[in-house]
Amino acid sequence: MDKIKIILQNNKEFETEIESYNASELSKTIKESDDVIVPIGDLIINKHHIECIHKI
């Protein structure tokens, strides 16, 4: 499991764990999603509000 931090455009920060962190694959999955709301780890986030995601 990898721990990641998600920073939204309003500077709110969230930490969650995901199976494995691959920036390219995560970006591709989020971009290809038809839904505006996407699950990342144990969070559900509006994909248009994501500013940054990085591994901790």
N, C-alpha and C. Protein backbone atom coordinates (compact mmCIF):
# COMPACT_ATOMS: atom_id res chain seq x y z
N MET A 1 0.84 -1.18 0.00
CA MET A 1 0.00 0.00 0.00
C MET A 1 0.88 1.25 0.00
N ASP A 2 0.48 2.23 -0.77
CA ASP A 2 1.18 3.51 -0.82
C ASP A 2 0.29 4.59 -0.22
N LYS A 3 0.87 5.48 0.54
CA LYS A 3 0.14 6.60 1.13
C LYS A 3 0.34 7.82 0.24
N ILE A 4 -0.77 8.49 -0.11
CA ILE A 4 -0.69 9.67 -0.97
C ILE A 4 -1.39 10.85 -0.31
N LYS A 5 -1.00 12.04 -0.74
CA LYS A 5 -1.66 13.27 -0.29
C LYS A 5 -2.31 13.90 -1.51
N ILE A 6 -3.57 14.30 -1.35
CA ILE A 6 -4.32 14.97 -2.42
C ILE A 6 -4.57 16.40 -1.97
N ILE A 7 -4.16 17.35 -2.79
CA ILE A 7 -4.37 18.77 -2.49
C ILE A 7 -5.37 19.31 -3.50
N LEU A 8 -6.42 19.93 -2.98
CA LEU A 8 -7.45 20.49 -3.85
C LEU A 8 -7.16 21.95 -4.14
N GLN A 9 -7.89 22.53 -5.08
CA GLN A 9 -7.67 23.91 -5.48
C GLN A 9 -7.94 24.90 -4.35
N ASN A 10 -8.76 24.51 -3.38
CA ASN A 10 -9.04 25.40 -2.25
C ASN A 10 -8.05 25.18 -1.11
N ASN A 11 -6.93 24.52 -1.40
CA ASN A 11 -5.84 24.24 -0.46
C ASN A 11 -6.19 23.25 0.65
N LYS A 12 -7.31 22.57 0.54
CA LYS A 12 -7.61 21.50 1.49
C LYS A 12 -6.77 20.29 1.12
N GLU A 13 -6.25 19.60 2.14
CA GLU A 13 -5.39 18.45 1.91
C GLU A 13 -5.99 17.21 2.55
N PHE A 14 -5.86 16.10 1.84
CA PHE A 14 -6.36 14.82 2.32
C PHE A 14 -5.29 13.76 2.11
N GLU A 15 -5.19 12.83 3.04
CA GLU A 15 -4.28 11.70 2.90
C GLU A 15 -5.10 10.43 2.82
N THR A 16 -4.66 9.51 1.97
CA THR A 16 -5.33 8.23 1.83
C THR A 16 -4.31 7.19 1.37
N GLU A 17 -4.69 5.94 1.44
CA GLU A 17 -3.84 4.86 0.98
C GLU A 17 -4.47 4.23 -0.25
N ILE A 18 -3.61 3.89 -1.22
CA ILE A 18 -4.05 3.20 -2.42
C ILE A 18 -3.17 1.98 -2.63
N GLU A 19 -3.64 1.06 -3.44
CA GLU A 19 -2.92 -0.21 -3.69
C GLU A 19 -1.48 0.05 -4.09
N SER A 20 -1.29 0.83 -5.15
CA SER A 20 0.06 1.20 -5.57
C SER A 20 -0.03 2.54 -6.31
N TYR A 21 0.97 3.37 -6.14
CA TYR A 21 0.96 4.71 -6.73
C TYR A 21 1.79 4.73 -8.02
N ASN A 22 1.14 5.02 -9.11
CA ASN A 22 1.77 5.22 -10.40
C ASN A 22 1.13 6.49 -10.97
N ALA A 23 1.86 7.60 -10.95
CA ALA A 23 1.31 8.90 -11.34
C ALA A 23 0.68 8.89 -12.73
N SER A 24 1.35 8.29 -13.68
CA SER A 24 0.84 8.26 -15.06
C SER A 24 -0.47 7.49 -15.15
N GLU A 25 -0.51 6.33 -14.51
CA GLU A 25 -1.71 5.49 -14.55
C GLU A 25 -2.88 6.16 -13.82
N LEU A 26 -2.60 6.77 -12.66
CA LEU A 26 -3.65 7.46 -11.91
C LEU A 26 -4.20 8.63 -12.71
N SER A 27 -3.32 9.41 -13.32
CA SER A 27 -3.75 10.54 -14.13
C SER A 27 -4.60 10.08 -15.32
N LYS A 28 -4.18 9.02 -15.97
CA LYS A 28 -4.92 8.48 -17.12
C LYS A 28 -6.31 8.00 -16.69
N THR A 29 -6.39 7.30 -15.56
CA THR A 29 -7.66 6.80 -15.05
C THR A 29 -8.62 7.94 -14.72
N ILE A 30 -8.11 8.97 -14.05
CA ILE A 30 -8.95 10.12 -13.69
C ILE A 30 -9.42 10.84 -14.95
N LYS A 31 -8.52 11.06 -15.89
CA LYS A 31 -8.85 11.79 -17.12
C LYS A 31 -9.89 11.05 -17.95
N GLU A 32 -9.79 9.73 -18.01
CA GLU A 32 -10.70 8.93 -18.86
C GLU A 32 -12.06 8.69 -18.21
N SER A 33 -12.18 8.99 -16.93
CA SER A 33 -13.45 8.76 -16.23
C SER A 33 -14.54 9.68 -16.79
N ASP A 34 -15.69 9.10 -17.09
CA ASP A 34 -16.83 9.90 -17.57
C ASP A 34 -17.50 10.64 -16.42
N ASP A 35 -17.29 10.16 -15.21
CA ASP A 35 -17.91 10.78 -14.04
C ASP A 35 -17.06 11.95 -13.55
N VAL A 36 -17.70 12.94 -12.97
CA VAL A 36 -17.00 14.08 -12.39
C VAL A 36 -16.45 13.70 -11.02
N ILE A 37 -17.14 12.83 -10.33
CA ILE A 37 -16.74 12.37 -9.01
C ILE A 37 -15.97 11.06 -9.18
N VAL A 38 -14.71 11.02 -8.67
CA VAL A 38 -13.87 9.84 -8.82
C VAL A 38 -13.41 9.32 -7.46
N PRO A 39 -13.38 8.00 -7.28
CA PRO A 39 -12.86 7.44 -6.03
C PRO A 39 -11.33 7.32 -6.10
N ILE A 40 -10.68 7.78 -5.05
CA ILE A 40 -9.22 7.63 -4.92
C ILE A 40 -8.99 7.14 -3.49
N GLY A 41 -8.55 5.90 -3.37
CA GLY A 41 -8.40 5.31 -2.04
C GLY A 41 -9.75 5.28 -1.35
N ASP A 42 -9.82 5.81 -0.13
CA ASP A 42 -11.09 5.84 0.59
C ASP A 42 -11.77 7.20 0.50
N LEU A 43 -11.39 8.00 -0.50
CA LEU A 43 -11.98 9.32 -0.72
C LEU A 43 -12.74 9.33 -2.04
N ILE A 44 -13.72 10.20 -2.11
CA ILE A 44 -14.44 10.45 -3.37
C ILE A 44 -14.29 11.95 -3.64
N ILE A 45 -13.71 12.28 -4.79
CA ILE A 45 -13.31 13.66 -5.05
C ILE A 45 -13.81 14.12 -6.42
N ASN A 46 -14.17 15.40 -6.51
CA ASN A 46 -14.50 16.01 -7.80
C ASN A 46 -13.19 16.17 -8.57
N LYS A 47 -13.07 15.49 -9.70
CA LYS A 47 -11.79 15.47 -10.43
C LYS A 47 -11.38 16.85 -10.94
N HIS A 48 -12.31 17.78 -11.07
CA HIS A 48 -11.98 19.12 -11.56
C HIS A 48 -11.39 20.01 -10.46
N HIS A 49 -11.43 19.57 -9.21
CA HIS A 49 -10.91 20.37 -8.10
C HIS A 49 -9.53 19.91 -7.65
N ILE A 50 -8.99 18.85 -8.24
CA ILE A 50 -7.69 18.32 -7.83
C ILE A 50 -6.58 19.23 -8.35
N GLU A 51 -5.75 19.70 -7.44
CA GLU A 51 -4.60 20.52 -7.79
C GLU A 51 -3.33 19.67 -7.89
N CYS A 52 -3.15 18.75 -6.93
CA CYS A 52 -1.93 17.99 -6.87
C CYS A 52 -2.15 16.68 -6.12
N ILE A 53 -1.50 15.61 -6.58
CA ILE A 53 -1.47 14.33 -5.87
C ILE A 53 -0.02 13.89 -5.82
N HIS A 54 0.45 13.55 -4.62
CA HIS A 54 1.82 13.06 -4.52
C HIS A 54 1.95 12.00 -3.44
N LYS A 55 2.95 11.15 -3.62
CA LYS A 55 3.22 10.07 -2.68
C LYS A 55 3.91 10.62 -1.44
N ILE A 56 3.52 10.12 -0.29
CA ILE A 56 4.13 10.55 0.97
C ILE A 56 5.21 9.57 1.34
